[in-house]
Amino acid sequence: NNIGLAGQLPQTMENMILLYSMTLILNGPKFGGELPESLFRLENLKNIHIQDNLGEDWSLPSNVQVGDDAKLERLLLTRNGFAGTIPSWLSQLNQLQTLDLSMNNFQG
């Protein structure tokens, strides 16, 4: 079960322009960091599901330029140990239907 991933998701995810859905359930203690802001600018991405990754200092980027063409409908970040402030740019995701930030350490 332990695949040994460590570090954080790369900023180069912005090159995955056809990515439609992303699920990340690692159950590993050495994976984390700030989610790349480029992830939230992918035009075709509709679903982000990151769950049970109790790793290293998870956080959301503080400033993301969300375009009018953003199609993100579901953002599920359950049980990850995310910390920090819930960023205001989330309110700019006009297509967002489901937001689950439960069981984290967010403030604000």
PDB file of N, CA and C in Angstrom:
ATOM      1  N   ASN A   1       0.803  -1.202   0.000  1.00  0.00           N
ATOM      2  CA  ASN A   1       0.000   0.000   0.000  1.00  0.00           C
ATOM      3  C   ASN A   1       0.842   1.260   0.000  1.00  0.00           C
ATOM      4  N   ASN A   2       2.066   1.215   0.510  1.00  0.00           N
ATOM      5  CA  ASN A   2       2.895   2.401   0.594  1.00  0.00           C
ATOM      6  C   ASN A   2       3.682   2.558  -0.703  1.00  0.00           C
ATOM      7  N   ILE A   3       3.302   3.562  -1.507  1.00  0.00           N
ATOM      8  CA  ILE A   3       3.987   3.767  -2.784  1.00  0.00           C
ATOM      9  C   ILE A   3       5.117   4.774  -2.672  1.00  0.00           C
ATOM     10  N   GLY A   4       5.320   5.363  -1.507  1.00  0.00           N
ATOM     11  CA  GLY A   4       6.489   6.170  -1.230  1.00  0.00           C
ATOM     12  C   GLY A   4       6.534   7.550  -1.859  1.00  0.00           C
ATOM     13  N   LEU A   5       5.397   8.129  -2.200  1.00  0.00           N
ATOM     14  CA  LEU A   5       5.410   9.484  -2.732  1.00  0.00           C
ATOM     15  C   LEU A   5       5.713  10.474  -1.628  1.00  0.00           C
ATOM     16  N   ALA A   6       6.452  11.515  -1.970  1.00  0.00           N
ATOM     17  CA  ALA A   6       6.775  12.564  -1.009  1.00  0.00           C
ATOM     18  C   ALA A   6       6.779  13.897  -1.740  1.00  0.00           C
ATOM     19  N   GLY A   7       6.654  14.982  -0.978  1.00  0.00           N
ATOM     20  CA  GLY A   7       6.704  16.312  -1.583  1.00  0.00           C
ATOM     21  C   GLY A   7       5.326  16.863  -1.831  1.00  0.00           C
ATOM     22  N   GLN A   8       5.204  17.657  -2.884  1.00  0.00           N
ATOM     23  CA  GLN A   8       3.925  18.284  -3.195  1.00  0.00           C
ATOM     24  C   GLN A   8       3.613  18.140  -4.675  1.00  0.00           C
ATOM     25  N   LEU A   9       2.395  18.491  -5.052  1.00  0.00           N
ATOM     26  CA  LEU A   9       2.001  18.432  -6.455  1.00  0.00           C
ATOM     27  C   LEU A   9       2.755  19.508  -7.233  1.00  0.00           C
ATOM     28  N   PRO A  10       3.227  19.211  -8.427  1.00  0.00           N
ATOM     29  CA  PRO A  10       4.036  20.173  -9.172  1.00  0.00           C
ATOM     30  C   PRO A  10       3.210  21.282  -9.823  1.00  0.00           C
ATOM     31  N   GLN A  11       3.796  22.476  -9.941  1.00  0.00           N
ATOM     32  CA  GLN A  11       3.151  23.593 -10.629  1.00  0.00           C
ATOM     33  C   GLN A  11       2.912  23.250 -12.099  1.00  0.00           C
ATOM     34  N   THR A  12       3.676  22.333 -12.646  1.00  0.00           N
ATOM     35  CA  THR A  12       3.537  21.977 -14.062  1.00  0.00           C
ATOM     36  C   THR A  12       2.228  21.260 -14.376  1.00  0.00           C
ATOM     37  N   MET A  13       1.379  21.089 -13.386  1.00  0.00           N
ATOM     38  CA  MET A  13       0.071  20.488 -13.655  1.00  0.00           C
ATOM     39  C   MET A  13      -0.713  21.342 -14.643  1.00  0.00           C
ATOM     40  N   GLU A  14      -0.337  22.604 -14.793  1.00  0.00           N
ATOM     41  CA  GLU A  14      -1.009  23.481 -15.744  1.00  0.00           C
ATOM     42  C   GLU A  14      -0.880  22.963 -17.177  1.00  0.00           C
ATOM     43  N   ASN A  15       0.071  22.085 -17.411  1.00  0.00           N
ATOM     44  CA  ASN A  15       0.246  21.498 -18.743  1.00  0.00           C
ATOM     45  C   ASN A  15      -0.766  20.399 -19.042  1.00  0.00           C
ATOM     46  N   MET A  16      -1.520  19.999 -18.065  1.00  0.00           N
ATOM     47  CA  MET A  16      -2.507  18.928 -18.229  1.00  0.00           C
ATOM     48  C   MET A  16      -3.840  19.538 -18.659  1.00  0.00           C
ATOM     49  N   ILE A  17      -3.849  20.190 -19.795  1.00  0.00           N
ATOM     50  CA  ILE A  17      -4.985  21.006 -20.213  1.00  0.00           C
ATOM     51  C   ILE A  17      -6.259  20.204 -20.483  1.00  0.00           C
ATOM     52  N   LEU A  18      -6.148  18.917 -20.701  1.00  0.00           N
ATOM     53  CA  LEU A  18      -7.332  18.096 -20.952  1.00  0.00           C
ATOM     54  C   LEU A  18      -7.819  17.373 -19.698  1.00  0.00           C
ATOM     55  N   LEU A  19      -7.154  17.611 -18.556  1.00  0.00           N
ATOM     56  CA  LEU A  19      -7.556  16.953 -17.309  1.00  0.00           C
ATOM     57  C   LEU A  19      -8.978  17.343 -16.950  1.00  0.00           C
ATOM     58  N   TYR A  20      -9.824  16.336 -16.754  1.00  0.00           N
ATOM     59  CA  TYR A  20     -11.242  16.538 -16.480  1.00  0.00           C
ATOM     60  C   TYR A  20     -11.563  16.313 -14.997  1.00  0.00           C
ATOM     61  N   SER A  21     -10.894  15.338 -14.391  1.00  0.00           N
ATOM     62  CA  SER A  21     -11.183  14.977 -13.018  1.00  0.00           C
ATOM     63  C   SER A  21      -9.901  14.508 -12.341  1.00  0.00           C
ATOM     64  N   MET A  22      -9.752  14.837 -11.051  1.00  0.00           N
ATOM     65  CA  MET A  22      -8.565  14.451 -10.311  1.00  0.00           C
ATOM     66  C   MET A  22      -8.978  13.916  -8.953  1.00  0.00           C
ATOM     67  N   THR A  23      -8.534  12.704  -8.638  1.00  0.00           N
ATOM     68  CA  THR A  23      -8.766  12.107  -7.325  1.00  0.00           C
ATOM     69  C   THR A  23      -7.424  11.699  -6.752  1.00  0.00           C
ATOM     70  N   LEU A  24      -7.175  12.093  -5.505  1.00  0.00           N
ATOM     71  CA  LEU A  24      -5.908  11.799  -4.860  1.00  0.00           C
ATOM     72  C   LEU A  24      -6.201  11.319  -3.439  1.00  0.00           C
ATOM     73  N   ILE A  25      -6.079  10.011  -3.229  1.00  0.00           N
ATOM     74  CA  ILE A  25      -6.290   9.414  -1.911  1.00  0.00           C
ATOM     75  C   ILE A  25      -5.057   8.562  -1.625  1.00  0.00           C
ATOM     76  N   LEU A  26      -4.108   9.125  -0.879  1.00  0.00           N
ATOM     77  CA  LEU A  26      -2.816   8.473  -0.696  1.00  0.00           C
ATOM     78  C   LEU A  26      -2.606   7.853   0.676  1.00  0.00           C
ATOM     79  N   ASN A  27      -3.293   8.367   1.695  1.00  0.00           N
ATOM     80  CA  ASN A  27      -3.098   7.869   3.057  1.00  0.00           C
ATOM     81  C   ASN A  27      -1.633   7.852   3.464  1.00  0.00           C
ATOM     82  N   GLY A  28      -0.878   8.834   3.009  1.00  0.00           N
ATOM     83  CA  GLY A  28       0.544   8.855   3.313  1.00  0.00           C
ATOM     84  C   GLY A  28       0.968  10.094   4.073  1.00  0.00           C
ATOM     85  N   PRO A  29       1.948   9.951   4.957  1.00  0.00           N
ATOM     86  CA  PRO A  29       2.360  11.070   5.790  1.00  0.00           C
ATOM     87  C   PRO A  29       3.402  11.988   5.153  1.00  0.00           C
ATOM     88  N   LYS A  30       3.907  11.700   3.970  1.00  0.00           N
ATOM     89  CA  LYS A  30       4.998  12.491   3.417  1.00  0.00           C
ATOM     90  C   LYS A  30       4.605  13.270   2.173  1.00  0.00           C
ATOM     91  N   PHE A  31       3.331  13.430   1.943  1.00  0.00           N
ATOM     92  CA  PHE A  31       2.850  14.123   0.762  1.00  0.00           C
ATOM     93  C   PHE A  31       2.009  15.294   1.219  1.00  0.00           C
ATOM     94  N   GLY A  32       2.167  16.454   0.625  1.00  0.00           N
ATOM     95  CA  GLY A  32       1.389  17.607   1.048  1.00  0.00           C
ATOM     96  C   GLY A  32       1.896  18.882   0.416  1.00  0.00           C
ATOM     97  N   GLY A  33       1.815  19.973   1.159  1.00  0.00           N
ATOM     98  CA  GLY A  33       2.235  21.271   0.668  1.00  0.00           C
ATOM     99  C   GLY A  33       1.073  22.064   0.101  1.00  0.00           C
ATOM    100  N   GLU A  34       1.405  23.180  -0.520  1.00  0.00           N
ATOM    101  CA  GLU A  34       0.372  24.024  -1.122  1.00  0.00           C
ATOM    102  C   GLU A  34      -0.054  23.435  -2.463  1.00  0.00           C
ATOM    103  N   LEU A  35      -1.358  23.365  -2.672  1.00  0.00           N
ATOM    104  CA  LEU A  35      -1.844  22.912  -3.973  1.00  0.00           C
ATOM    105  C   LEU A  35      -1.434  23.941  -5.012  1.00  0.00           C
ATOM    106  N   PRO A  36      -0.996  23.515  -6.180  1.00  0.00           N
ATOM    107  CA  PRO A  36      -0.568  24.475  -7.205  1.00  0.00           C
ATOM    108  C   PRO A  36      -1.732  25.333  -7.681  1.00  0.00           C
ATOM    109  N   GLU A  37      -1.511  26.636  -7.766  1.00  0.00           N
ATOM    110  CA  GLU A  37      -2.585  27.513  -8.221  1.00  0.00           C
ATOM    111  C   GLU A  37      -2.966  27.204  -9.658  1.00  0.00           C
ATOM    112  N   SER A  38      -2.037  26.682 -10.442  1.00  0.00           N
ATOM    113  CA  SER A  38      -2.333  26.337 -11.834  1.00  0.00           C
ATOM    114  C   SER A  38      -3.421  25.273 -11.932  1.00  0.00           C
ATOM    115  N   LEU A  39      -3.560  24.447 -10.896  1.00  0.00           N
ATOM    116  CA  LEU A  39      -4.593  23.416 -10.873  1.00  0.00           C
ATOM    117  C   LEU A  39      -5.984  24.035 -10.979  1.00  0.00           C
ATOM    118  N   PHE A  40      -6.184  25.171 -10.369  1.00  0.00           N
ATOM    119  CA  PHE A  40      -7.492  25.813 -10.340  1.00  0.00           C
ATOM    120  C   PHE A  40      -7.759  26.668 -11.582  1.00  0.00           C
ATOM    121  N   ARG A  41      -6.785  26.743 -12.466  1.00  0.00           N
ATOM    122  CA  ARG A  41      -6.958  27.491 -13.717  1.00  0.00           C
ATOM    123  C   ARG A  41      -7.161  26.570 -14.920  1.00  0.00           C
ATOM    124  N   LEU A  42      -7.146  25.267 -14.705  1.00  0.00           N
ATOM    125  CA  LEU A  42      -7.344  24.326 -15.807  1.00  0.00           C
ATOM    126  C   LEU A  42      -8.783  24.423 -16.299  1.00  0.00           C
ATOM    127  N   GLU A  43      -8.957  24.769 -17.554  1.00  0.00           N
ATOM    128  CA  GLU A  43     -10.282  25.070 -18.099  1.00  0.00           C
ATOM    129  C   GLU A  43     -11.231  23.889 -18.133  1.00  0.00           C
ATOM    130  N   ASN A  44     -10.729  22.684 -18.295  1.00  0.00           N
ATOM    131  CA  ASN A  44     -11.601  21.512 -18.429  1.00  0.00           C
ATOM    132  C   ASN A  44     -11.825  20.763 -17.127  1.00  0.00           C
ATOM    133  N   LEU A  45     -11.119  21.130 -16.078  1.00  0.00           N
ATOM    134  CA  LEU A  45     -11.204  20.402 -14.815  1.00  0.00           C
ATOM    135  C   LEU A  45     -12.530  20.688 -14.109  1.00  0.00           C
ATOM    136  N   LYS A  46     -13.302  19.635 -13.873  1.00  0.00           N
ATOM    137  CA  LYS A  46     -14.605  19.768 -13.217  1.00  0.00           C
ATOM    138  C   LYS A  46     -14.614  19.240 -11.792  1.00  0.00           C
ATOM    139  N   ASN A  47     -13.730  18.312 -11.477  1.00  0.00           N
ATOM    140  CA  ASN A  47     -13.749  17.657 -10.165  1.00  0.00           C
ATOM    141  C   ASN A  47     -12.347  17.565  -9.586  1.00  0.00           C
ATOM    142  N   ILE A  48     -12.199  18.010  -8.343  1.00  0.00           N
ATOM    143  CA  ILE A  48     -10.978  17.779  -7.576  1.00  0.00           C
ATOM    144  C   ILE A  48     -11.408  17.099  -6.279  1.00  0.00           C
ATOM    145  N   HIS A  49     -10.873  15.914  -6.052  1.00  0.00           N
ATOM    146  CA  HIS A  49     -11.211  15.144  -4.851  1.00  0.00           C
ATOM    147  C   HIS A  49      -9.894  14.706  -4.214  1.00  0.00           C
ATOM    148  N   ILE A  50      -9.557  15.338  -3.113  1.00  0.00           N
ATOM    149  CA  ILE A  50      -8.345  14.993  -2.372  1.00  0.00           C
ATOM    150  C   ILE A  50      -8.795  14.658  -0.961  1.00  0.00           C
ATOM    151  N   GLN A  51      -8.527  13.423  -0.551  1.00  0.00           N
ATOM    152  CA  GLN A  51      -9.082  12.928   0.720  1.00  0.00           C
ATOM    153  C   GLN A  51      -8.090  12.038   1.438  1.00  0.00           C
ATOM    154  N   ASP A  52      -8.117  12.092   2.770  1.00  0.00           N
ATOM    155  CA  ASP A  52      -7.343  11.194   3.634  1.00  0.00           C
ATOM    156  C   ASP A  52      -5.841  11.259   3.400  1.00  0.00           C
ATOM    157  N   ASN A  53      -5.333  12.432   3.084  1.00  0.00           N
ATOM    158  CA  ASN A  53      -3.896  12.609   2.884  1.00  0.00           C
ATOM    159  C   ASN A  53      -3.345  13.436   4.036  1.00  0.00           C
ATOM    160  N   LEU A  54      -3.149  12.803   5.161  1.00  0.00           N
ATOM    161  CA  LEU A  54      -2.747  13.501   6.374  1.00  0.00           C
ATOM    162  C   LEU A  54      -1.240  13.741   6.351  1.00  0.00           C
ATOM    163  N   GLY A  55      -0.795  14.454   5.360  1.00  0.00           N
ATOM    164  CA  GLY A  55       0.629  14.663   5.147  1.00  0.00           C
ATOM    165  C   GLY A  55       1.148  15.968   5.687  1.00  0.00           C
ATOM    166  N   GLU A  56       2.049  16.539   4.950  1.00  0.00           N
ATOM    167  CA  GLU A  56       2.834  17.686   5.367  1.00  0.00           C
ATOM    168  C   GLU A  56       2.182  19.009   4.991  1.00  0.00           C
ATOM    169  N   ASP A  57       1.697  19.748   5.941  1.00  0.00           N
ATOM    170  CA  ASP A  57       1.303  21.149   5.758  1.00  0.00           C
ATOM    171  C   ASP A  57       0.493  21.433   4.500  1.00  0.00           C
ATOM    172  N   TRP A  58      -0.604  20.775   4.315  1.00  0.00           N
ATOM    173  CA  TRP A  58      -1.482  21.056   3.185  1.00  0.00           C
ATOM    174  C   TRP A  58      -2.022  22.476   3.290  1.00  0.00           C
ATOM    175  N   SER A  59      -2.111  23.165   2.155  1.00  0.00           N
ATOM    176  CA  SER A  59      -2.741  24.489   2.142  1.00  0.00           C
ATOM    177  C   SER A  59      -3.248  24.801   0.737  1.00  0.00           C
ATOM    178  N   LEU A  60      -4.189  25.728   0.692  1.00  0.00           N
ATOM    179  CA  LEU A  60      -4.682  26.230  -0.591  1.00  0.00           C
ATOM    180  C   LEU A  60      -3.898  27.482  -0.938  1.00  0.00           C
ATOM    181  N   PRO A  61      -3.655  27.734  -2.219  1.00  0.00           N
ATOM    182  CA  PRO A  61      -2.965  28.965  -2.579  1.00  0.00           C
ATOM    183  C   PRO A  61      -3.790  30.174  -2.152  1.00  0.00           C
ATOM    184  N   SER A  62      -3.108  31.228  -1.731  1.00  0.00           N
ATOM    185  CA  SER A  62      -3.820  32.394  -1.195  1.00  0.00           C
ATOM    186  C   SER A  62      -4.404  33.281  -2.288  1.00  0.00           C
ATOM    187  N   ASN A  63      -3.812  33.266  -3.475  1.00  0.00           N
ATOM    188  CA  ASN A  63      -4.294  34.155  -4.529  1.00  0.00           C
ATOM    189  C   ASN A  63      -4.295  33.414  -5.863  1.00  0.00           C
ATOM    190  N   VAL A  64      -5.456  33.149  -6.389  1.00  0.00           N
ATOM    191  CA  VAL A  64      -5.599  32.477  -7.674  1.00  0.00           C
ATOM    192  C   VAL A  64      -6.441  33.371  -8.573  1.00  0.00           C
ATOM    193  N   GLN A  65      -5.976  33.592  -9.786  1.00  0.00           N
ATOM    194  CA  GLN A  65      -6.746  34.349 -10.776  1.00  0.00           C
ATOM    195  C   GLN A  65      -7.690  33.370 -11.468  1.00  0.00           C
ATOM    196  N   VAL A  66      -8.932  33.325 -11.009  1.00  0.00           N
ATOM    197  CA  VAL A  66      -9.919  32.405 -11.557  1.00  0.00           C
ATOM    198  C   VAL A  66     -10.565  33.063 -12.772  1.00  0.00           C
ATOM    199  N   GLY A  67     -10.501  32.387 -13.917  1.00  0.00           N
ATOM    200  CA  GLY A  67     -11.104  32.927 -15.125  1.00  0.00           C
ATOM    201  C   GLY A  67     -12.598  32.647 -15.212  1.00  0.00           C
ATOM    202  N   ASP A  68     -13.271  33.401 -16.064  1.00  0.00           N
ATOM    203  CA  ASP A  68     -14.709  33.200 -16.262  1.00  0.00           C
ATOM    204  C   ASP A  68     -15.024  31.841 -16.870  1.00  0.00           C
ATOM    205  N   ASP A  69     -14.018  31.219 -17.490  1.00  0.00           N
ATOM    206  CA  ASP A  69     -14.234  29.934 -18.140  1.00  0.00           C
ATOM    207  C   ASP A  69     -13.943  28.746 -17.223  1.00  0.00           C
ATOM    208  N   ALA A  70     -13.662  28.987 -15.948  1.00  0.00           N
ATOM    209  CA  ALA A  70     -13.406  27.890 -15.008  1.00  0.00           C
ATOM    210  C   ALA A  70     -14.658  27.030 -14.886  1.00  0.00           C
ATOM    211  N   LYS A  71     -14.484  25.710 -15.012  1.00  0.00           N
ATOM    212  CA  LYS A  71     -15.616  24.781 -15.002  1.00  0.00           C
ATOM    213  C   LYS A  71     -15.680  23.923 -13.747  1.00  0.00           C
ATOM    214  N   LEU A  72     -14.858  24.224 -12.739  1.00  0.00           N
ATOM    215  CA  LEU A  72     -14.807  23.399 -11.544  1.00  0.00           C
ATOM    216  C   LEU A  72     -16.171  23.351 -10.858  1.00  0.00           C
ATOM    217  N   GLU A  73     -16.711  22.136 -10.734  1.00  0.00           N
ATOM    218  CA  GLU A  73     -18.031  21.925 -10.141  1.00  0.00           C
ATOM    219  C   GLU A  73     -17.960  21.335  -8.738  1.00  0.00           C
ATOM    220  N   ARG A  74     -16.928  20.518  -8.482  1.00  0.00           N
ATOM    221  CA  ARG A  74     -16.814  19.838  -7.185  1.00  0.00           C
ATOM    222  C   ARG A  74     -15.397  19.992  -6.662  1.00  0.00           C
ATOM    223  N   LEU A  75     -15.287  20.496  -5.451  1.00  0.00           N
ATOM    224  CA  LEU A  75     -14.004  20.606  -4.768  1.00  0.00           C
ATOM    225  C   LEU A  75     -14.165  19.934  -3.411  1.00  0.00           C
ATOM    226  N   LEU A  76     -13.631  18.728  -3.300  1.00  0.00           N
ATOM    227  CA  LEU A  76     -13.759  17.910  -2.093  1.00  0.00           C
ATOM    228  C   LEU A  76     -12.370  17.728  -1.487  1.00  0.00           C
ATOM    229  N   LEU A  77     -12.146  18.335  -0.348  1.00  0.00           N
ATOM    230  CA  LEU A  77     -10.837  18.284   0.313  1.00  0.00           C
ATOM    231  C   LEU A  77     -10.986  17.751   1.737  1.00  0.00           C
ATOM    232  N   THR A  78     -11.615  16.618   1.883  1.00  0.00           N
ATOM    233  CA  THR A  78     -11.975  16.060   3.183  1.00  0.00           C
ATOM    234  C   THR A  78     -10.813  15.327   3.849  1.00  0.00           C
ATOM    235  N   ARG A  79     -10.635  15.553   5.148  1.00  0.00           N
ATOM    236  CA  ARG A  79      -9.671  14.821   5.992  1.00  0.00           C
ATOM    237  C   ARG A  79      -8.245  14.847   5.440  1.00  0.00           C
ATOM    238  N   ASN A  80      -7.703  16.048   5.283  1.00  0.00           N
ATOM    239  CA  ASN A  80      -6.344  16.167   4.771  1.00  0.00           C
ATOM    240  C   ASN A  80      -5.386  16.914   5.676  1.00  0.00           C
ATOM    241  N   GLY A  81      -5.869  17.560   6.699  1.00  0.00           N
ATOM    242  CA  GLY A  81      -4.980  18.373   7.526  1.00  0.00           C
ATOM    243  C   GLY A  81      -4.669  19.717   6.889  1.00  0.00           C
ATOM    244  N   PHE A  82      -5.532  20.188   5.963  1.00  0.00           N
ATOM    245  CA  PHE A  82      -5.356  21.528   5.412  1.00  0.00           C
ATOM    246  C   PHE A  82      -5.415  22.532   6.551  1.00  0.00           C
ATOM    247  N   ALA A  83      -4.620  23.572   6.454  1.00  0.00           N
ATOM    248  CA  ALA A  83      -4.597  24.623   7.472  1.00  0.00           C
ATOM    249  C   ALA A  83      -4.585  25.975   6.781  1.00  0.00           C
ATOM    250  N   GLY A  84      -4.735  27.010   7.589  1.00  0.00           N
ATOM    251  CA  GLY A  84      -4.710  28.365   7.062  1.00  0.00           C
ATOM    252  C   GLY A  84      -6.110  28.913   6.869  1.00  0.00           C
ATOM    253  N   THR A  85      -6.180  30.018   6.154  1.00  0.00           N
ATOM    254  CA  THR A  85      -7.436  30.711   5.914  1.00  0.00           C
ATOM    255  C   THR A  85      -8.111  30.163   4.666  1.00  0.00           C
ATOM    256  N   ILE A  86      -9.418  30.086   4.693  1.00  0.00           N
ATOM    257  CA  ILE A  86     -10.172  29.714   3.491  1.00  0.00           C
ATOM    258  C   ILE A  86     -10.094  30.903   2.538  1.00  0.00           C
ATOM    259  N   PRO A  87      -9.509  30.726   1.370  1.00  0.00           N
ATOM    260  CA  PRO A  87      -9.267  31.872   0.483  1.00  0.00           C
ATOM    261  C   PRO A  87     -10.537  32.407  -0.179  1.00  0.00           C
ATOM    262  N   SER A  88     -10.574  33.706  -0.369  1.00  0.00           N
ATOM    263  CA  SER A  88     -11.755  34.367  -0.938  1.00  0.00           C
ATOM    264  C   SER A  88     -11.958  34.033  -2.413  1.00  0.00           C
ATOM    265  N   TRP A  89     -10.908  33.635  -3.122  1.00  0.00           N
ATOM    266  CA  TRP A  89     -11.061  33.340  -4.550  1.00  0.00           C
ATOM    267  C   TRP A  89     -11.983  32.143  -4.801  1.00  0.00           C
ATOM    268  N   LEU A  90     -12.239  31.316  -3.783  1.00  0.00           N
ATOM    269  CA  LEU A  90     -13.170  30.200  -3.964  1.00  0.00           C
ATOM    270  C   LEU A  90     -14.554  30.705  -4.366  1.00  0.00           C
ATOM    271  N   SER A  91     -14.914  31.892  -3.926  1.00  0.00           N
ATOM    272  CA  SER A  91     -16.232  32.456  -4.261  1.00  0.00           C
ATOM    273  C   SER A  91     -16.323  32.863  -5.731  1.00  0.00           C
ATOM    274  N   GLN A  92     -15.200  32.898  -6.439  1.00  0.00           N
ATOM    275  CA  GLN A  92     -15.190  33.255  -7.853  1.00  0.00           C
ATOM    276  C   GLN A  92     -15.388  32.043  -8.767  1.00  0.00           C
ATOM    277  N   LEU A  93     -15.454  30.861  -8.186  1.00  0.00           N
ATOM    278  CA  LEU A  93     -15.685  29.647  -8.970  1.00  0.00           C
ATOM    279  C   LEU A  93     -17.179  29.547  -9.253  1.00  0.00           C
ATOM    280  N   ASN A  94     -17.613  30.174 -10.319  1.00  0.00           N
ATOM    281  CA  ASN A  94     -19.037  30.330 -10.633  1.00  0.00           C
ATOM    282  C   ASN A  94     -19.775  29.017 -10.878  1.00  0.00           C
ATOM    283  N   GLN A  95     -19.084  27.988 -11.323  1.00  0.00           N
ATOM    284  CA  GLN A  95     -19.725  26.699 -11.607  1.00  0.00           C
ATOM    285  C   GLN A  95     -19.715  25.751 -10.409  1.00  0.00           C
ATOM    286  N   LEU A  96     -19.065  26.161  -9.309  1.00  0.00           N
ATOM    287  CA  LEU A  96     -18.918  25.284  -8.148  1.00  0.00           C
ATOM    288  C   LEU A  96     -20.275  24.942  -7.537  1.00  0.00           C
ATOM    289  N   GLN A  97     -20.558  23.636  -7.460  1.00  0.00           N
ATOM    290  CA  GLN A  97     -21.809  23.150  -6.895  1.00  0.00           C
ATOM    291  C   GLN A  97     -21.607  22.479  -5.539  1.00  0.00           C
ATOM    292  N   THR A  98     -20.442  21.850  -5.353  1.00  0.00           N
ATOM    293  CA  THR A  98     -20.167  21.118  -4.120  1.00  0.00           C
ATOM    294  C   THR A  98     -18.800  21.519  -3.591  1.00  0.00           C
ATOM    295  N   LEU A  99     -18.767  21.956  -2.349  1.00  0.00           N
ATOM    296  CA  LEU A  99     -17.523  22.307  -1.670  1.00  0.00           C
ATOM    297  C   LEU A  99     -17.518  21.609  -0.328  1.00  0.00           C
ATOM    298  N   ASP A 100     -16.528  20.745  -0.085  1.00  0.00           N
ATOM    299  CA  ASP A 100     -16.418  20.034   1.195  1.00  0.00           C
ATOM    300  C   ASP A 100     -15.006  20.237   1.727  1.00  0.00           C
ATOM    301  N   LEU A 101     -14.898  21.029   2.792  1.00  0.00           N
ATOM    302  CA  LEU A 101     -13.619  21.300   3.439  1.00  0.00           C
ATOM    303  C   LEU A 101     -13.582  20.700   4.833  1.00  0.00           C
ATOM    304  N   SER A 102     -14.460  19.738   5.086  1.00  0.00           N
ATOM    305  CA  SER A 102     -14.621  19.202   6.431  1.00  0.00           C
ATOM    306  C   SER A 102     -13.388  18.428   6.904  1.00  0.00           C
ATOM    307  N   MET A 103     -13.267  18.361   8.215  1.00  0.00           N
ATOM    308  CA  MET A 103     -12.225  17.596   8.902  1.00  0.00           C
ATOM    309  C   MET A 103     -10.821  18.040   8.500  1.00  0.00           C
ATOM    310  N   ASN A 104     -10.622  19.344   8.457  1.00  0.00           N
ATOM    311  CA  ASN A 104      -9.340  19.975   8.228  1.00  0.00           C
ATOM    312  C   ASN A 104      -9.089  20.967   9.351  1.00  0.00           C
ATOM    313  N   ASN A 105      -8.095  21.808   9.199  1.00  0.00           N
ATOM    314  CA  ASN A 105      -7.753  22.788  10.236  1.00  0.00           C
ATOM    315  C   ASN A 105      -7.837  24.212   9.698  1.00  0.00           C
ATOM    316  N   PHE A 106      -8.835  24.478   8.832  1.00  0.00           N
ATOM    317  CA  PHE A 106      -8.999  25.809   8.280  1.00  0.00           C
ATOM    318  C   PHE A 106      -9.430  26.791   9.346  1.00  0.00           C
ATOM    319  N   GLN A 107      -9.102  28.063   9.109  1.00  0.00           N
ATOM    320  CA  GLN A 107      -9.529  29.147   9.974  1.00  0.00           C
ATOM    321  C   GLN A 107     -10.225  30.187   9.097  1.00  0.00           C
ATOM    322  N   GLY A 108     -11.168  30.909   9.688  1.00  0.00           N
ATOM    323  CA  GLY A 108     -11.818  32.012   8.954  1.00  0.00           C
ATOM    324  C   GLY A 108     -13.005  31.610   8.162  1.00  0.00           C
TER     325      GLY A 108
END
